[in-house]
Amino acid sequence: MRINRTNTILYCRNWSDTVAFYQHYFGFTVTYETDWFVEFHLSHDTYLSIANASRATIESVEGQGITLSWQVADVHEAHTQLQQAGLEVSKLQKKWGALLFYLHDPEGHRIELWQPLSA
């Protein structure tokens, strides 16, 4: 089996704040939108959707058990940019052969931004 497209869907109680978070802080491009569902294009064939849990058949898990892990070109730049934007971010740390940090979206989903350590 070959997967041609990946879309992670987050069901959110804080829907409008979560949509605004990804638009404002990450600048993701909207590829599809209704009054309760927004799909963002992240890269290549990778998408992230934010669904309003009050309008969906699946409830919010309020961020429990979810980590969005994204490799970035420059983790130092991403850390500085998000911190200067006023977001609470963890300290940079070495883990799993990478330099990384964490932050959370308004729904409580953990986001891990990382860059491989140099060989």
N, C-alpha and C. Protein backbone atom coordinates (compact mmCIF):
# COMPACT_ATOMS: atom_id res chain seq x y z
N MET A 1 0.83 -1.17 0.00
CA MET A 1 0.00 0.00 0.00
C MET A 1 0.89 1.25 0.00
N ARG A 2 0.52 2.21 -0.79
CA ARG A 2 1.26 3.47 -0.86
C ARG A 2 0.33 4.60 -0.42
N ILE A 3 0.78 5.39 0.53
CA ILE A 3 0.03 6.55 1.00
C ILE A 3 0.44 7.75 0.14
N ASN A 4 -0.51 8.40 -0.50
CA ASN A 4 -0.21 9.51 -1.38
C ASN A 4 -0.34 10.87 -0.72
N ARG A 5 -1.10 10.94 0.37
CA ARG A 5 -1.36 12.23 1.00
C ARG A 5 -1.60 11.98 2.48
N THR A 6 -1.06 12.86 3.32
CA THR A 6 -1.23 12.75 4.77
C THR A 6 -1.97 13.97 5.29
N ASN A 7 -3.01 13.74 6.09
CA ASN A 7 -3.75 14.82 6.72
C ASN A 7 -4.04 14.43 8.16
N THR A 8 -3.52 15.19 9.10
CA THR A 8 -3.82 15.00 10.51
C THR A 8 -4.95 15.96 10.86
N ILE A 9 -6.00 15.43 11.50
CA ILE A 9 -7.15 16.25 11.86
C ILE A 9 -7.21 16.38 13.37
N LEU A 10 -7.21 17.63 13.85
CA LEU A 10 -7.33 17.91 15.28
C LEU A 10 -8.74 18.41 15.55
N TYR A 11 -9.46 17.75 16.45
CA TYR A 11 -10.81 18.16 16.83
C TYR A 11 -10.68 19.05 18.07
N CYS A 12 -11.17 20.28 17.96
CA CYS A 12 -10.87 21.30 18.97
C CYS A 12 -12.12 21.97 19.54
N ARG A 13 -12.11 22.18 20.84
CA ARG A 13 -13.13 23.00 21.49
C ARG A 13 -12.80 24.48 21.28
N ASN A 14 -11.52 24.80 21.29
CA ASN A 14 -11.05 26.17 21.07
C ASN A 14 -10.74 26.34 19.58
N TRP A 15 -11.73 26.07 18.75
CA TRP A 15 -11.53 25.99 17.32
C TRP A 15 -11.00 27.28 16.71
N SER A 16 -11.67 28.39 16.92
CA SER A 16 -11.26 29.64 16.26
C SER A 16 -9.87 30.09 16.72
N ASP A 17 -9.58 29.93 18.02
CA ASP A 17 -8.25 30.30 18.52
C ASP A 17 -7.17 29.39 17.94
N THR A 18 -7.48 28.12 17.78
CA THR A 18 -6.51 27.17 17.25
C THR A 18 -6.24 27.43 15.77
N VAL A 19 -7.29 27.71 15.01
CA VAL A 19 -7.11 28.06 13.60
C VAL A 19 -6.26 29.32 13.48
N ALA A 20 -6.57 30.34 14.27
CA ALA A 20 -5.82 31.61 14.23
C ALA A 20 -4.35 31.39 14.62
N PHE A 21 -4.10 30.51 15.58
CA PHE A 21 -2.75 30.19 16.03
C PHE A 21 -1.89 29.68 14.87
N TYR A 22 -2.40 28.70 14.14
CA TYR A 22 -1.62 28.13 13.03
C TYR A 22 -1.48 29.10 11.87
N GLN A 23 -2.48 29.93 11.64
CA GLN A 23 -2.37 30.94 10.59
C GLN A 23 -1.35 32.01 10.96
N HIS A 24 -1.46 32.51 12.19
CA HIS A 24 -0.62 33.64 12.61
C HIS A 24 0.84 33.23 12.86
N TYR A 25 1.05 32.21 13.67
CA TYR A 25 2.41 31.87 14.10
C TYR A 25 3.18 31.01 13.10
N PHE A 26 2.46 30.22 12.30
CA PHE A 26 3.14 29.34 11.34
C PHE A 26 2.92 29.75 9.90
N GLY A 27 1.94 30.60 9.64
CA GLY A 27 1.69 31.08 8.29
C GLY A 27 1.26 30.01 7.32
N PHE A 28 0.60 28.96 7.81
CA PHE A 28 0.15 27.87 6.94
C PHE A 28 -0.90 28.36 5.95
N THR A 29 -0.85 27.84 4.75
CA THR A 29 -1.78 28.19 3.69
C THR A 29 -3.05 27.35 3.81
N VAL A 30 -4.20 28.01 3.77
CA VAL A 30 -5.49 27.32 3.82
C VAL A 30 -5.78 26.74 2.44
N THR A 31 -6.08 25.43 2.40
CA THR A 31 -6.41 24.77 1.13
C THR A 31 -7.89 24.42 1.03
N TYR A 32 -8.56 24.36 2.18
CA TYR A 32 -9.99 24.07 2.20
C TYR A 32 -10.55 24.66 3.49
N GLU A 33 -11.77 25.23 3.39
CA GLU A 33 -12.34 25.88 4.57
C GLU A 33 -13.86 25.85 4.51
N THR A 34 -14.48 25.53 5.65
CA THR A 34 -15.92 25.69 5.83
C THR A 34 -16.10 26.50 7.11
N ASP A 35 -17.33 26.60 7.58
CA ASP A 35 -17.57 27.36 8.81
C ASP A 35 -17.17 26.59 10.07
N TRP A 36 -16.71 25.33 9.94
CA TRP A 36 -16.28 24.57 11.11
C TRP A 36 -15.06 23.69 10.86
N PHE A 37 -14.42 23.82 9.71
CA PHE A 37 -13.30 22.96 9.34
C PHE A 37 -12.33 23.74 8.47
N VAL A 38 -11.05 23.71 8.82
CA VAL A 38 -10.01 24.38 8.03
C VAL A 38 -8.88 23.40 7.80
N GLU A 39 -8.46 23.29 6.53
CA GLU A 39 -7.33 22.45 6.17
C GLU A 39 -6.17 23.34 5.76
N PHE A 40 -5.00 23.08 6.36
CA PHE A 40 -3.77 23.82 6.05
C PHE A 40 -2.81 22.92 5.28
N HIS A 41 -2.09 23.50 4.34
CA HIS A 41 -1.02 22.79 3.64
C HIS A 41 0.28 23.07 4.38
N LEU A 42 0.97 22.02 4.80
CA LEU A 42 2.22 22.18 5.53
C LEU A 42 3.43 22.08 4.61
N SER A 43 3.50 20.99 3.87
CA SER A 43 4.59 20.80 2.92
C SER A 43 4.27 19.59 2.04
N HIS A 44 4.80 19.59 0.85
CA HIS A 44 4.61 18.48 -0.10
C HIS A 44 3.17 17.97 -0.07
N ASP A 45 2.96 16.75 0.39
CA ASP A 45 1.63 16.14 0.47
C ASP A 45 1.19 15.98 1.92
N THR A 46 1.55 16.94 2.76
CA THR A 46 1.25 16.88 4.19
C THR A 46 0.32 18.04 4.56
N TYR A 47 -0.76 17.70 5.26
CA TYR A 47 -1.79 18.67 5.62
C TYR A 47 -2.14 18.54 7.10
N LEU A 48 -2.64 19.62 7.67
CA LEU A 48 -3.14 19.65 9.03
C LEU A 48 -4.52 20.30 8.99
N SER A 49 -5.51 19.62 9.55
CA SER A 49 -6.86 20.18 9.58
C SER A 49 -7.29 20.42 11.02
N ILE A 50 -8.05 21.50 11.20
CA ILE A 50 -8.60 21.86 12.49
C ILE A 50 -10.11 21.81 12.36
N ALA A 51 -10.75 20.92 13.12
CA ALA A 51 -12.20 20.76 13.07
C ALA A 51 -12.81 21.24 14.38
N ASN A 52 -13.95 21.90 14.28
CA ASN A 52 -14.68 22.36 15.45
C ASN A 52 -15.39 21.16 16.07
N ALA A 53 -14.94 20.74 17.25
CA ALA A 53 -15.48 19.54 17.89
C ALA A 53 -16.98 19.65 18.16
N SER A 54 -17.48 20.86 18.35
CA SER A 54 -18.90 21.02 18.62
C SER A 54 -19.76 20.73 17.40
N ARG A 55 -19.15 20.69 16.22
CA ARG A 55 -19.87 20.42 14.98
C ARG A 55 -19.51 19.06 14.38
N ALA A 56 -18.59 18.34 15.02
CA ALA A 56 -18.11 17.06 14.49
C ALA A 56 -18.68 15.90 15.30
N THR A 57 -18.51 14.71 14.79
CA THR A 57 -18.95 13.51 15.50
C THR A 57 -17.85 12.96 16.41
N ILE A 58 -16.67 13.57 16.38
CA ILE A 58 -15.55 13.16 17.22
C ILE A 58 -15.26 14.29 18.20
N GLU A 59 -15.07 13.95 19.47
CA GLU A 59 -14.84 14.95 20.50
C GLU A 59 -13.36 15.32 20.59
N SER A 60 -13.11 16.48 21.16
CA SER A 60 -11.75 16.93 21.42
C SER A 60 -11.12 16.08 22.51
N VAL A 61 -9.84 15.80 22.37
CA VAL A 61 -9.09 15.14 23.44
C VAL A 61 -8.29 16.18 24.22
N GLU A 62 -8.52 17.45 23.88
CA GLU A 62 -7.88 18.59 24.56
C GLU A 62 -6.37 18.44 24.61
N GLY A 63 -5.81 17.95 23.53
CA GLY A 63 -4.36 17.85 23.41
C GLY A 63 -3.74 16.63 24.04
N GLN A 64 -4.51 15.82 24.75
CA GLN A 64 -3.96 14.65 25.44
C GLN A 64 -3.52 13.59 24.44
N GLY A 65 -2.27 13.19 24.54
CA GLY A 65 -1.76 12.10 23.72
C GLY A 65 -1.40 12.51 22.29
N ILE A 66 -1.34 13.80 22.01
CA ILE A 66 -1.03 14.27 20.66
C ILE A 66 0.27 15.07 20.68
N THR A 67 1.20 14.72 19.81
CA THR A 67 2.38 15.54 19.55
C THR A 67 2.52 15.68 18.04
N LEU A 68 2.56 16.90 17.58
CA LEU A 68 2.86 17.19 16.18
C LEU A 68 4.36 17.43 16.12
N SER A 69 5.08 16.61 15.40
CA SER A 69 6.53 16.69 15.34
C SER A 69 6.95 17.09 13.94
N TRP A 70 7.56 18.27 13.85
CA TRP A 70 7.92 18.82 12.55
C TRP A 70 9.40 19.18 12.49
N GLN A 71 10.09 18.67 11.49
CA GLN A 71 11.48 19.04 11.25
C GLN A 71 11.50 20.40 10.58
N VAL A 72 12.36 21.28 11.07
CA VAL A 72 12.53 22.62 10.49
C VAL A 72 13.96 22.78 10.00
N ALA A 73 14.16 23.73 9.11
CA ALA A 73 15.49 23.97 8.56
C ALA A 73 16.43 24.56 9.60
N ASP A 74 15.92 25.45 10.47
CA ASP A 74 16.76 26.12 11.46
C ASP A 74 15.99 26.20 12.78
N VAL A 75 16.26 25.27 13.68
CA VAL A 75 15.54 25.21 14.94
C VAL A 75 15.83 26.42 15.83
N HIS A 76 17.05 26.96 15.75
CA HIS A 76 17.38 28.17 16.53
C HIS A 76 16.52 29.35 16.08
N GLU A 77 16.40 29.53 14.78
CA GLU A 77 15.59 30.61 14.22
C GLU A 77 14.12 30.45 14.62
N ALA A 78 13.60 29.23 14.51
CA ALA A 78 12.21 28.97 14.88
C ALA A 78 11.97 29.25 16.36
N HIS A 79 12.89 28.83 17.19
CA HIS A 79 12.78 29.05 18.64
C HIS A 79 12.75 30.54 18.95
N THR A 80 13.68 31.28 18.38
CA THR A 80 13.75 32.73 18.61
C THR A 80 12.50 33.42 18.10
N GLN A 81 12.07 33.08 16.90
CA GLN A 81 10.91 33.72 16.28
C GLN A 81 9.64 33.51 17.12
N LEU A 82 9.40 32.29 17.55
CA LEU A 82 8.19 32.00 18.32
C LEU A 82 8.24 32.60 19.72
N GLN A 83 9.43 32.59 20.31
CA GLN A 83 9.61 33.19 21.63
C GLN A 83 9.39 34.70 21.56
N GLN A 84 9.96 35.35 20.54
CA GLN A 84 9.79 36.80 20.38
C GLN A 84 8.34 37.16 20.04
N ALA A 85 7.59 36.23 19.48
CA ALA A 85 6.18 36.46 19.18
C ALA A 85 5.31 36.36 20.43
N GLY A 86 5.93 35.97 21.55
CA GLY A 86 5.22 35.92 22.82
C GLY A 86 4.70 34.55 23.22
N LEU A 87 5.09 33.51 22.48
CA LEU A 87 4.65 32.16 22.83
C LEU A 87 5.57 31.56 23.88
N GLU A 88 4.99 30.72 24.71
CA GLU A 88 5.77 29.99 25.70
C GLU A 88 6.38 28.78 25.03
N VAL A 89 7.70 28.75 24.95
CA VAL A 89 8.42 27.64 24.33
C VAL A 89 9.40 27.06 25.35
N SER A 90 9.67 25.77 25.23
CA SER A 90 10.63 25.14 26.12
C SER A 90 12.04 25.56 25.71
N LYS A 91 13.00 25.21 26.55
CA LYS A 91 14.39 25.42 26.20
C LYS A 91 14.78 24.46 25.09
N LEU A 92 15.75 24.84 24.29
CA LEU A 92 16.31 23.94 23.29
C LEU A 92 16.99 22.79 24.02
N GLN A 93 16.82 21.58 23.51
CA GLN A 93 17.41 20.41 24.15
C GLN A 93 17.84 19.39 23.10
N LYS A 94 18.83 18.59 23.47
CA LYS A 94 19.29 17.52 22.60
C LYS A 94 18.56 16.24 23.01
N LYS A 95 17.93 15.61 22.00
CA LYS A 95 17.16 14.41 22.27
C LYS A 95 16.95 13.67 20.95
N TRP A 96 17.03 12.36 20.96
CA TRP A 96 16.74 11.53 19.79
C TRP A 96 17.62 11.89 18.59
N GLY A 97 18.85 12.34 18.83
CA GLY A 97 19.74 12.71 17.73
C GLY A 97 19.37 14.02 17.06
N ALA A 98 18.65 14.86 17.81
CA ALA A 98 18.19 16.14 17.26
C ALA A 98 18.29 17.23 18.31
N LEU A 99 18.22 18.46 17.86
CA LEU A 99 18.06 19.62 18.71
C LEU A 99 16.61 20.03 18.56
N LEU A 100 15.89 20.17 19.69
CA LEU A 100 14.45 20.39 19.59
C LEU A 100 13.93 21.27 20.72
N PHE A 101 12.68 21.71 20.54
CA PHE A 101 11.94 22.39 21.61
C PHE A 101 10.46 22.12 21.42
N TYR A 102 9.70 22.44 22.47
CA TYR A 102 8.26 22.20 22.46
C TYR A 102 7.47 23.48 22.72
N LEU A 103 6.25 23.49 22.24
CA LEU A 103 5.26 24.50 22.56
C LEU A 103 3.89 23.85 22.43
N HIS A 104 2.84 24.55 22.82
CA HIS A 104 1.48 24.01 22.75
C HIS A 104 0.56 24.98 22.03
N ASP A 105 -0.38 24.42 21.27
CA ASP A 105 -1.39 25.27 20.63
C ASP A 105 -2.51 25.57 21.64
N PRO A 106 -3.46 26.43 21.31
CA PRO A 106 -4.51 26.80 22.26
C PRO A 106 -5.37 25.63 22.75
N GLU A 107 -5.41 24.55 22.02
CA GLU A 107 -6.19 23.37 22.42
C GLU A 107 -5.38 22.47 23.35
N GLY A 108 -4.06 22.70 23.44
CA GLY A 108 -3.19 21.89 24.29
C GLY A 108 -2.38 20.85 23.56
N HIS A 109 -2.46 20.81 22.23
CA HIS A 109 -1.65 19.87 21.47
C HIS A 109 -0.18 20.28 21.55
N ARG A 110 0.67 19.32 21.85
CA ARG A 110 2.10 19.61 21.92
C ARG A 110 2.68 19.63 20.51
N ILE A 111 3.52 20.62 20.26
CA ILE A 111 4.22 20.75 18.98
C ILE A 111 5.72 20.64 19.28
N GLU A 112 6.38 19.76 18.56
CA GLU A 112 7.82 19.56 18.69
C GLU A 112 8.46 20.04 17.39
N LEU A 113 9.33 21.02 17.48
CA LEU A 113 10.09 21.48 16.32
C LEU A 113 11.52 21.03 16.51
N TRP A 114 12.09 20.43 15.47
CA TRP A 114 13.41 19.83 15.62
C TRP A 114 14.25 19.95 14.36
N GLN A 115 15.54 19.77 14.59
CA GLN A 115 16.54 19.77 13.52
C GLN A 115 17.56 18.69 13.87
N PRO A 116 17.96 17.86 12.88
CA PRO A 116 18.95 16.83 13.19
C PRO A 116 20.26 17.47 13.68
N LEU A 117 20.90 16.78 14.62
CA LEU A 117 22.21 17.23 15.07
C LEU A 117 23.23 16.97 13.96
N SER A 118 24.19 17.84 13.85
CA SER A 118 25.24 17.66 12.83
C SER A 118 26.04 16.42 13.14
N ALA A 119 26.47 15.76 12.10
CA ALA A 119 27.27 14.53 12.28
C ALA A 119 28.66 14.82 12.73
